[in-house]
Amino acid sequence: MADINAAYDLLRAAAWTQRNDNRPERVRRPPMRGAWLAPAIRRALGNELLAALDPRENVWLVTPATTWASPQALLAVSDRRLLWLLDDAVTGRVQTLAFTAIEAAEHTLRRPRRRVATLRVRARDGRRLAFGELRPATAATLERRIAAAAARGQPGRGP
C-alpha cells in the first residue's frame, strides 16, 4: 500500500509540474533578488539581507559574527557598506552602516590563543559597534578596507 501511495504522489507531482510549466508567456516571474550575485553569496545572504541590498550592490563577504545585541548575527560586507542581520531580534533585524559614515575601525585578537578576533567600528555619529567571533584574517582585511574607504570618503571596493 505504501508503494502505491508513493507512486500516486509522484504522478500527482509530475502532473502539477507539467500543468504549471505550461504558463502563458505573458505571465512572467519577477526577477530573482540579487540575481547579479554569485549563487553561493545569494544563498548565504538569505531573503532579508538580499532585500536590503541596493540594485547592483556587490557583496564580497558574508560571515557569521556576534554583536552586543545578538550572539548570532550574519555580517555582510558590500562595496558600499556593512550589513548585518540580528538572528534573534524580533524587529529591526537588518542593520546597515555605510563606509562613508565610519570614522575608525580596528580589530583585536582575543587571548590566550588569538584564534578569534573582534572588529570594532566607530561611526561619525558616535555609535560604536563590535563584531566578534571573526577569523583574525577576516577582521584584519575588514579593518584595512574600511579604513581605506573611510579615508577616501568613498565606498569600499570588492576583493
C-alpha atoms as a PDB file:
ATOM      1  CA  MET A   1       0.000   0.000   0.000  1.00  0.00           C
ATOM      2  CA  ALA A   2       2.881   2.386   0.803  1.00  0.00           C
ATOM      3  CA  ASP A   3       4.395   1.815  -2.643  1.00  0.00           C
ATOM      4  CA  ILE A   4       1.067   2.562  -4.289  1.00  0.00           C
ATOM      5  CA  ASN A   5       0.682   5.790  -2.300  1.00  0.00           C
ATOM      6  CA  ALA A   6       4.243   6.882  -3.143  1.00  0.00           C
ATOM      7  CA  ALA A   7       3.661   6.193  -6.855  1.00  0.00           C
ATOM      8  CA  TYR A   8       0.382   8.111  -6.741  1.00  0.00           C
ATOM      9  CA  ASP A   9       2.097  11.110  -5.082  1.00  0.00           C
ATOM     10  CA  LEU A  10       4.825  11.003  -7.724  1.00  0.00           C
ATOM     11  CA  LEU A  11       2.227  11.038 -10.526  1.00  0.00           C
ATOM     12  CA  ARG A  12       0.369  13.937  -8.903  1.00  0.00           C
ATOM     13  CA  ALA A  13       3.599  15.909  -8.513  1.00  0.00           C
ATOM     14  CA  ALA A  14       4.545  15.289 -12.141  1.00  0.00           C
ATOM     15  CA  ALA A  15       1.080  16.393 -13.296  1.00  0.00           C
ATOM     16  CA  TRP A  16       1.282  19.527 -11.162  1.00  0.00           C
ATOM     17  CA  THR A  17       4.732  20.399 -12.533  1.00  0.00           C
ATOM     18  CA  GLN A  18       3.577  19.872 -16.118  1.00  0.00           C
ATOM     19  CA  ARG A  19       0.446  21.951 -15.560  1.00  0.00           C
ATOM     20  CA  ASN A  20       2.387  24.842 -14.005  1.00  0.00           C
ATOM     21  CA  ASP A  21       5.253  24.755 -16.513  1.00  0.00           C
ATOM     22  CA  ASN A  22       2.857  25.459 -19.374  1.00  0.00           C
ATOM     23  CA  ARG A  23       2.069  29.013 -18.280  1.00  0.00           C
ATOM     24  CA  PRO A  24       1.351  31.572 -20.990  1.00  0.00           C
ATOM     25  CA  GLU A  25       4.279  33.810 -21.956  1.00  0.00           C
ATOM     26  CA  ARG A  26       2.571  36.942 -20.635  1.00  0.00           C
ATOM     27  CA  VAL A  27       2.841  35.641 -17.063  1.00  0.00           C
ATOM     28  CA  ARG A  28       6.406  36.337 -16.005  1.00  0.00           C
ATOM     29  CA  ARG A  29       8.132  35.757 -12.742  1.00  0.00           C
ATOM     30  CA  PRO A  30       9.663  38.778 -11.071  1.00  0.00           C
ATOM     31  CA  PRO A  31      13.463  38.919 -11.313  1.00  0.00           C
ATOM     32  CA  MET A  32      15.282  36.985  -8.630  1.00  0.00           C
ATOM     33  CA  ARG A  33      16.577  39.101  -5.760  1.00  0.00           C
ATOM     34  CA  GLY A  34      20.308  39.574  -6.029  1.00  0.00           C
ATOM     35  CA  ALA A  35      20.446  37.983  -9.482  1.00  0.00           C
ATOM     36  CA  TRP A  36      23.764  39.795 -10.138  1.00  0.00           C
ATOM     37  CA  LEU A  37      25.439  37.993  -7.207  1.00  0.00           C
ATOM     38  CA  ALA A  38      27.119  34.606  -7.263  1.00  0.00           C
ATOM     39  CA  PRO A  39      24.737  31.801  -6.231  1.00  0.00           C
ATOM     40  CA  ALA A  40      26.794  30.946  -3.126  1.00  0.00           C
ATOM     41  CA  ILE A  41      26.650  34.579  -1.923  1.00  0.00           C
ATOM     42  CA  ARG A  42      22.907  34.734  -2.626  1.00  0.00           C
ATOM     43  CA  ARG A  43      22.284  31.587  -0.585  1.00  0.00           C
ATOM     44  CA  ALA A  44      24.468  32.808   2.293  1.00  0.00           C
ATOM     45  CA  LEU A  45      22.701  36.178   2.466  1.00  0.00           C
ATOM     46  CA  GLY A  46      19.170  34.839   2.704  1.00  0.00           C
ATOM     47  CA  ASN A  47      15.984  36.757   1.897  1.00  0.00           C
ATOM     48  CA  GLU A  48      16.239  39.523   4.493  1.00  0.00           C
ATOM     49  CA  LEU A  49      19.744  40.677   3.603  1.00  0.00           C
ATOM     50  CA  LEU A  50      19.020  40.322  -0.127  1.00  0.00           C
ATOM     51  CA  ALA A  51      16.002  42.601   0.297  1.00  0.00           C
ATOM     52  CA  ALA A  52      18.204  45.223   1.983  1.00  0.00           C
ATOM     53  CA  LEU A  53      20.678  45.383  -0.911  1.00  0.00           C
ATOM     54  CA  ASP A  54      20.608  48.185  -3.453  1.00  0.00           C
ATOM     55  CA  PRO A  55      20.454  47.161  -7.120  1.00  0.00           C
ATOM     56  CA  ARG A  56      23.873  46.008  -8.376  1.00  0.00           C
ATOM     57  CA  GLU A  57      25.447  46.309  -4.905  1.00  0.00           C
ATOM     58  CA  ASN A  58      28.337  43.854  -4.895  1.00  0.00           C
ATOM     59  CA  VAL A  59      28.698  41.730  -1.747  1.00  0.00           C
ATOM     60  CA  TRP A  60      32.175  40.253  -1.327  1.00  0.00           C
ATOM     61  CA  LEU A  61      31.985  38.767   2.182  1.00  0.00           C
ATOM     62  CA  VAL A  62      29.331  37.014   4.270  1.00  0.00           C
ATOM     63  CA  THR A  63      30.374  35.609   7.637  1.00  0.00           C
ATOM     64  CA  PRO A  64      28.809  34.693  10.975  1.00  0.00           C
ATOM     65  CA  ALA A  65      29.574  37.103  13.795  1.00  0.00           C
ATOM     66  CA  THR A  66      28.330  38.239  17.179  1.00  0.00           C
ATOM     67  CA  THR A  67      27.241  41.698  18.312  1.00  0.00           C
ATOM     68  CA  TRP A  68      26.279  43.166  21.662  1.00  0.00           C
ATOM     69  CA  ALA A  69      22.640  42.899  20.548  1.00  0.00           C
ATOM     70  CA  SER A  70      22.760  39.340  19.272  1.00  0.00           C
ATOM     71  CA  PRO A  71      25.028  36.370  19.916  1.00  0.00           C
ATOM     72  CA  GLN A  72      24.091  35.105  16.448  1.00  0.00           C
ATOM     73  CA  ALA A  73      24.455  37.628  13.658  1.00  0.00           C
ATOM     74  CA  LEU A  74      25.321  37.431   9.990  1.00  0.00           C
ATOM     75  CA  LEU A  75      27.732  40.111   8.767  1.00  0.00           C
ATOM     76  CA  ALA A  76      27.798  41.004   5.065  1.00  0.00           C
ATOM     77  CA  VAL A  77      30.231  43.449   3.507  1.00  0.00           C
ATOM     78  CA  SER A  78      29.413  45.072   0.189  1.00  0.00           C
ATOM     79  CA  ASP A  79      31.259  47.564  -1.932  1.00  0.00           C
ATOM     80  CA  ARG A  80      29.356  50.362  -0.125  1.00  0.00           C
ATOM     81  CA  ARG A  81      28.576  49.356   3.447  1.00  0.00           C
ATOM     82  CA  LEU A  82      28.362  46.860   6.268  1.00  0.00           C
ATOM     83  CA  LEU A  83      25.072  44.994   6.634  1.00  0.00           C
ATOM     84  CA  TRP A  84      24.244  42.660   9.473  1.00  0.00           C
ATOM     85  CA  LEU A  85      21.281  40.501  10.363  1.00  0.00           C
ATOM     86  CA  LEU A  86      20.471  40.057  14.043  1.00  0.00           C
ATOM     87  CA  ASP A  87      19.238  36.481  14.054  1.00  0.00           C
ATOM     88  CA  ASP A  88      17.360  36.556  17.347  1.00  0.00           C
ATOM     89  CA  ALA A  89      15.795  40.039  17.057  1.00  0.00           C
ATOM     90  CA  VAL A  90      12.060  40.391  16.529  1.00  0.00           C
ATOM     91  CA  THR A  91      12.108  43.746  14.732  1.00  0.00           C
ATOM     92  CA  GLY A  92      14.860  45.750  13.092  1.00  0.00           C
ATOM     93  CA  ARG A  93      16.719  42.588  12.192  1.00  0.00           C
ATOM     94  CA  VAL A  94      18.769  44.119   9.360  1.00  0.00           C
ATOM     95  CA  GLN A  95      21.127  46.973  10.241  1.00  0.00           C
ATOM     96  CA  THR A  96      23.483  48.846   7.923  1.00  0.00           C
ATOM     97  CA  LEU A  97      26.343  51.303   8.139  1.00  0.00           C
ATOM     98  CA  ALA A  98      27.824  52.981   5.071  1.00  0.00           C
ATOM     99  CA  PHE A  99      31.598  53.095   4.781  1.00  0.00           C
ATOM    100  CA  THR A 100      31.383  56.875   4.420  1.00  0.00           C
ATOM    101  CA  ALA A 101      29.764  57.054   7.885  1.00  0.00           C
ATOM    102  CA  ILE A 102      32.659  55.235   9.566  1.00  0.00           C
ATOM    103  CA  GLU A 103      35.285  57.257  11.399  1.00  0.00           C
ATOM    104  CA  ALA A 104      37.571  54.418  12.519  1.00  0.00           C
ATOM    105  CA  ALA A 105      37.864  50.643  12.559  1.00  0.00           C
ATOM    106  CA  GLU A 106      40.254  48.372  14.416  1.00  0.00           C
ATOM    107  CA  HIS A 107      40.492  44.698  15.207  1.00  0.00           C
ATOM    108  CA  THR A 108      41.791  42.947  18.296  1.00  0.00           C
ATOM    109  CA  LEU A 109      42.662  39.318  18.918  1.00  0.00           C
ATOM    110  CA  ARG A 110      41.142  37.510  21.843  1.00  0.00           C
ATOM    111  CA  ARG A 111      43.589  35.959  24.246  1.00  0.00           C
ATOM    112  CA  PRO A 112      45.002  33.420  25.103  1.00  0.00           C
ATOM    113  CA  ARG A 113      45.225  31.639  21.762  1.00  0.00           C
ATOM    114  CA  ARG A 114      44.426  34.558  19.450  1.00  0.00           C
ATOM    115  CA  ARG A 115      42.295  32.453  17.134  1.00  0.00           C
ATOM    116  CA  VAL A 116      39.284  34.737  17.343  1.00  0.00           C
ATOM    117  CA  ALA A 117      39.114  38.445  16.545  1.00  0.00           C
ATOM    118  CA  THR A 118      36.743  41.320  17.223  1.00  0.00           C
ATOM    119  CA  LEU A 119      36.249  44.187  14.785  1.00  0.00           C
ATOM    120  CA  ARG A 120      35.398  47.494  16.497  1.00  0.00           C
ATOM    121  CA  VAL A 121      33.864  50.236  14.382  1.00  0.00           C
ATOM    122  CA  ARG A 122      33.280  53.858  15.418  1.00  0.00           C
ATOM    123  CA  ALA A 123      30.749  55.773  13.316  1.00  0.00           C
ATOM    124  CA  ARG A 124      30.930  59.503  12.701  1.00  0.00           C
ATOM    125  CA  ASP A 125      27.691  59.973  14.663  1.00  0.00           C
ATOM    126  CA  GLY A 126      29.312  58.476  17.783  1.00  0.00           C
ATOM    127  CA  ARG A 127      27.873  54.971  17.565  1.00  0.00           C
ATOM    128  CA  ARG A 128      30.244  52.174  18.448  1.00  0.00           C
ATOM    129  CA  LEU A 129      29.801  48.702  17.014  1.00  0.00           C
ATOM    130  CA  ALA A 130      31.671  45.492  17.682  1.00  0.00           C
ATOM    131  CA  PHE A 131      31.554  42.320  15.596  1.00  0.00           C
ATOM    132  CA  GLY A 132      33.045  39.355  17.422  1.00  0.00           C
ATOM    133  CA  GLU A 133      33.899  35.724  16.718  1.00  0.00           C
ATOM    134  CA  LEU A 134      35.606  36.592  13.419  1.00  0.00           C
ATOM    135  CA  ARG A 135      38.635  34.851  11.990  1.00  0.00           C
ATOM    136  CA  PRO A 136      41.734  37.046  12.537  1.00  0.00           C
ATOM    137  CA  ALA A 137      42.489  37.295   8.797  1.00  0.00           C
ATOM    138  CA  THR A 138      38.896  38.315   8.061  1.00  0.00           C
ATOM    139  CA  ALA A 139      38.925  41.002  10.757  1.00  0.00           C
ATOM    140  CA  ALA A 140      42.271  42.381   9.528  1.00  0.00           C
ATOM    141  CA  THR A 141      41.025  42.556   5.928  1.00  0.00           C
ATOM    142  CA  LEU A 142      37.840  44.294   7.013  1.00  0.00           C
ATOM    143  CA  GLU A 143      39.811  46.820   9.066  1.00  0.00           C
ATOM    144  CA  ARG A 144      42.062  47.687   6.122  1.00  0.00           C
ATOM    145  CA  ARG A 145      39.243  48.055   3.617  1.00  0.00           C
ATOM    146  CA  ILE A 146      37.027  50.074   5.940  1.00  0.00           C
ATOM    147  CA  ALA A 147      39.917  52.365   6.886  1.00  0.00           C
ATOM    148  CA  ALA A 148      40.820  52.905   3.228  1.00  0.00           C
ATOM    149  CA  ALA A 149      37.211  53.645   2.281  1.00  0.00           C
ATOM    150  CA  ALA A 150      36.700  55.975   5.254  1.00  0.00           C
ATOM    151  CA  ALA A 151      39.923  57.854   4.445  1.00  0.00           C
ATOM    152  CA  ARG A 152      38.844  58.350   0.840  1.00  0.00           C
ATOM    153  CA  GLY A 153      35.307  59.224   1.874  1.00  0.00           C
ATOM    154  CA  GLN A 154      34.129  56.815  -0.785  1.00  0.00           C
ATOM    155  CA  PRO A 155      32.502  53.405  -0.765  1.00  0.00           C
ATOM    156  CA  GLY A 156      34.900  50.482  -0.299  1.00  0.00           C
ATOM    157  CA  ARG A 157      35.912  48.224  -3.133  1.00  0.00           C
ATOM    158  CA  GLY A 158      35.408  44.476  -3.505  1.00  0.00           C
ATOM    159  CA  PRO A 159      38.258  41.968  -3.313  1.00  0.00           C
END
